Every structure is written in C-alpha cells, then in structure tokens.
C-alpha cells in the first residue's frame, strides 16, 4: 500500500491534493470538532491564508461538516499558518 497517495479536495479552492498536504477538520461522533485526528465527517483545507480566510468568510467548513465551527478552530488553524509561514507561501 505504500506509495499510493490519497487525494482530497480543499473545501475552499476545490483543488485536489494529497491529503498529507491539507489540514483536516473532523466532526466527531460526540458532537465536538477536532483537527487531524479522530473518526467522523471530515473537511479538508489548504494551509494558505487565502483558503482559510475564504473558508471563514463563506462558511465553507460549516457547510462541509454540517455543524457550527467555533472560532477556536479557526484560531488554531491561523496559529498553524503563523507558525509555518512557508507552507502557505505559494500564490493561489
């Protein structure tokens, strides 16, 4: 099974990428939300300022996960963006 990449689509820009390159937001069975780990309904997002801002503004994560997304989730994603500036450097 090694060498086979699994593709996922960013909820904002709709670009198809290897899931390792994307942030994963999960709606857990108990009703909570998690980043990267856990079982449940998932939405993927490019690690870029453009996609994060657009997802927040147009409520893309709420629509994909079919639940409310707390500001703390966006804050955690924003913190990731700030701690790894090279990840979102490419232009979209």
C-alpha atoms as a PDB file:
ATOM      1  CA  UNK A   1       0.000   0.000   0.000  1.00  0.00           C
ATOM      2  CA  UNK A   2       2.971   2.349   0.272  1.00  0.00           C
ATOM      3  CA  UNK A   3       3.476   4.881  -2.490  1.00  0.00           C
ATOM      4  CA  UNK A   4      -0.230   5.302  -3.183  1.00  0.00           C
ATOM      5  CA  UNK A   5      -1.345   8.840  -2.409  1.00  0.00           C
ATOM      6  CA  UNK A   6      -4.867   9.554  -1.232  1.00  0.00           C
ATOM      7  CA  UNK A   7      -6.360  12.675  -2.805  1.00  0.00           C
ATOM      8  CA  UNK A   8      -8.749  15.052  -1.080  1.00  0.00           C
ATOM      9  CA  UNK A   9     -10.350  18.318  -2.217  1.00  0.00           C
ATOM     10  CA  UNK A  10      -9.954  21.652  -0.411  1.00  0.00           C
ATOM     11  CA  UNK A  11     -13.414  22.929   0.573  1.00  0.00           C
ATOM     12  CA  UNK A  12     -12.456  26.462  -0.465  1.00  0.00           C
ATOM     13  CA  UNK A  13     -10.408  26.409  -3.677  1.00  0.00           C
ATOM     14  CA  UNK A  14     -11.636  22.922  -4.712  1.00  0.00           C
ATOM     15  CA  UNK A  15      -8.070  21.897  -5.641  1.00  0.00           C
ATOM     16  CA  UNK A  16      -7.393  18.152  -5.480  1.00  0.00           C
ATOM     17  CA  UNK A  17      -4.259  17.443  -3.415  1.00  0.00           C
ATOM     18  CA  UNK A  18      -2.617  14.636  -1.473  1.00  0.00           C
ATOM     19  CA  UNK A  19      -4.318  14.600   1.934  1.00  0.00           C
ATOM     20  CA  UNK A  20      -0.922  14.933   3.646  1.00  0.00           C
ATOM     21  CA  UNK A  21      -0.697  18.485   2.242  1.00  0.00           C
ATOM     22  CA  UNK A  22      -4.079  19.569   3.645  1.00  0.00           C
ATOM     23  CA  UNK A  23      -5.461  20.421   7.078  1.00  0.00           C
ATOM     24  CA  UNK A  24      -8.193  18.045   8.239  1.00  0.00           C
ATOM     25  CA  UNK A  25     -11.114  19.235  10.377  1.00  0.00           C
ATOM     26  CA  UNK A  26     -13.281  16.418  11.790  1.00  0.00           C
ATOM     27  CA  UNK A  27     -16.793  16.471  13.235  1.00  0.00           C
ATOM     28  CA  UNK A  28     -16.576  13.795  15.916  1.00  0.00           C
ATOM     29  CA  UNK A  29     -19.379  11.388  16.742  1.00  0.00           C
ATOM     30  CA  UNK A  30     -19.823  13.014  20.176  1.00  0.00           C
ATOM     31  CA  UNK A  31     -20.546  16.341  18.511  1.00  0.00           C
ATOM     32  CA  UNK A  32     -17.192  18.018  19.018  1.00  0.00           C
ATOM     33  CA  UNK A  33     -14.634  19.098  16.446  1.00  0.00           C
ATOM     34  CA  UNK A  34     -11.007  18.028  16.149  1.00  0.00           C
ATOM     35  CA  UNK A  35      -8.025  18.799  13.964  1.00  0.00           C
ATOM     36  CA  UNK A  36      -6.131  15.998  12.199  1.00  0.00           C
ATOM     37  CA  UNK A  37      -7.150  13.015  14.328  1.00  0.00           C
ATOM     38  CA  UNK A  38     -10.303  11.068  15.014  1.00  0.00           C
ATOM     39  CA  UNK A  39     -13.149   9.347  13.259  1.00  0.00           C
ATOM     40  CA  UNK A  40     -16.040  11.233  11.764  1.00  0.00           C
ATOM     41  CA  UNK A  41     -17.118  13.505   8.954  1.00  0.00           C
ATOM     42  CA  UNK A  42     -14.090  15.375   7.577  1.00  0.00           C
ATOM     43  CA  UNK A  43     -13.402  18.533   5.634  1.00  0.00           C
ATOM     44  CA  UNK A  44     -10.025  19.418   4.156  1.00  0.00           C
ATOM     45  CA  UNK A  45      -8.482  22.851   3.775  1.00  0.00           C
ATOM     46  CA  UNK A  46      -5.322  24.127   2.074  1.00  0.00           C
ATOM     47  CA  UNK A  47      -2.763  25.526   4.526  1.00  0.00           C
ATOM     48  CA  UNK A  48      -2.921  29.002   2.966  1.00  0.00           C
ATOM     49  CA  UNK A  49      -4.120  32.397   4.171  1.00  0.00           C
ATOM     50  CA  UNK A  50      -6.380  32.755   1.123  1.00  0.00           C
ATOM     51  CA  UNK A  51      -8.228  29.467   1.680  1.00  0.00           C
ATOM     52  CA  UNK A  52      -8.504  29.963   5.448  1.00  0.00           C
ATOM     53  CA  UNK A  53      -9.924  33.483   5.109  1.00  0.00           C
ATOM     54  CA  UNK A  54     -12.329  32.444   2.360  1.00  0.00           C
ATOM     55  CA  UNK A  55     -13.478  29.375   4.339  1.00  0.00           C
ATOM     56  CA  UNK A  56     -14.266  31.575   7.332  1.00  0.00           C
ATOM     57  CA  UNK A  57     -15.965  34.308   5.308  1.00  0.00           C
ATOM     58  CA  UNK A  58     -18.126  31.982   3.201  1.00  0.00           C
ATOM     59  CA  UNK A  59     -18.725  29.385   5.964  1.00  0.00           C
ATOM     60  CA  UNK A  60     -17.206  26.553   3.912  1.00  0.00           C
ATOM     61  CA  UNK A  61     -16.307  24.363   6.903  1.00  0.00           C
ATOM     62  CA  UNK A  62     -19.790  24.717   8.426  1.00  0.00           C
ATOM     63  CA  UNK A  63     -21.369  23.628   5.147  1.00  0.00           C
ATOM     64  CA  UNK A  64     -18.994  20.697   4.633  1.00  0.00           C
ATOM     65  CA  UNK A  65     -19.232  19.424   8.221  1.00  0.00           C
ATOM     66  CA  UNK A  66     -22.943  20.260   8.625  1.00  0.00           C
ATOM     67  CA  UNK A  67     -22.381  21.838  12.035  1.00  0.00           C
ATOM     68  CA  UNK A  68     -21.213  25.078  13.642  1.00  0.00           C
ATOM     69  CA  UNK A  69     -17.454  25.650  13.649  1.00  0.00           C
ATOM     70  CA  UNK A  70     -16.203  27.535  16.695  1.00  0.00           C
ATOM     71  CA  UNK A  71     -13.862  30.496  16.381  1.00  0.00           C
ATOM     72  CA  UNK A  72     -11.327  28.460  18.371  1.00  0.00           C
ATOM     73  CA  UNK A  73     -10.948  26.072  15.397  1.00  0.00           C
ATOM     74  CA  UNK A  74     -10.207  28.999  13.085  1.00  0.00           C
ATOM     75  CA  UNK A  75      -7.819  30.425  15.690  1.00  0.00           C
ATOM     76  CA  UNK A  76      -5.950  27.095  15.885  1.00  0.00           C
ATOM     77  CA  UNK A  77      -5.668  26.953  12.085  1.00  0.00           C
ATOM     78  CA  UNK A  78      -4.496  30.570  11.996  1.00  0.00           C
ATOM     79  CA  UNK A  79      -1.844  29.744  14.598  1.00  0.00           C
ATOM     80  CA  UNK A  80      -0.614  26.880  12.401  1.00  0.00           C
ATOM     81  CA  UNK A  81      -0.410  29.273   9.485  1.00  0.00           C
ATOM     82  CA  UNK A  82       1.672  31.728  11.518  1.00  0.00           C
ATOM     83  CA  UNK A  83       3.983  29.028  12.900  1.00  0.00           C
ATOM     84  CA  UNK A  84       4.715  27.593   9.419  1.00  0.00           C
ATOM     85  CA  UNK A  85       4.814  30.578   7.029  1.00  0.00           C
ATOM     86  CA  UNK A  86       6.485  28.622   4.199  1.00  0.00           C
ATOM     87  CA  UNK A  87       3.516  26.213   3.984  1.00  0.00           C
ATOM     88  CA  UNK A  88       1.134  28.857   2.655  1.00  0.00           C
ATOM     89  CA  UNK A  89       3.654  30.832   0.634  1.00  0.00           C
ATOM     90  CA  UNK A  90       2.590  29.735  -2.837  1.00  0.00           C
ATOM     91  CA  UNK A  91       0.201  32.016  -4.638  1.00  0.00           C
ATOM     92  CA  UNK A  92      -3.341  30.894  -5.397  1.00  0.00           C
END
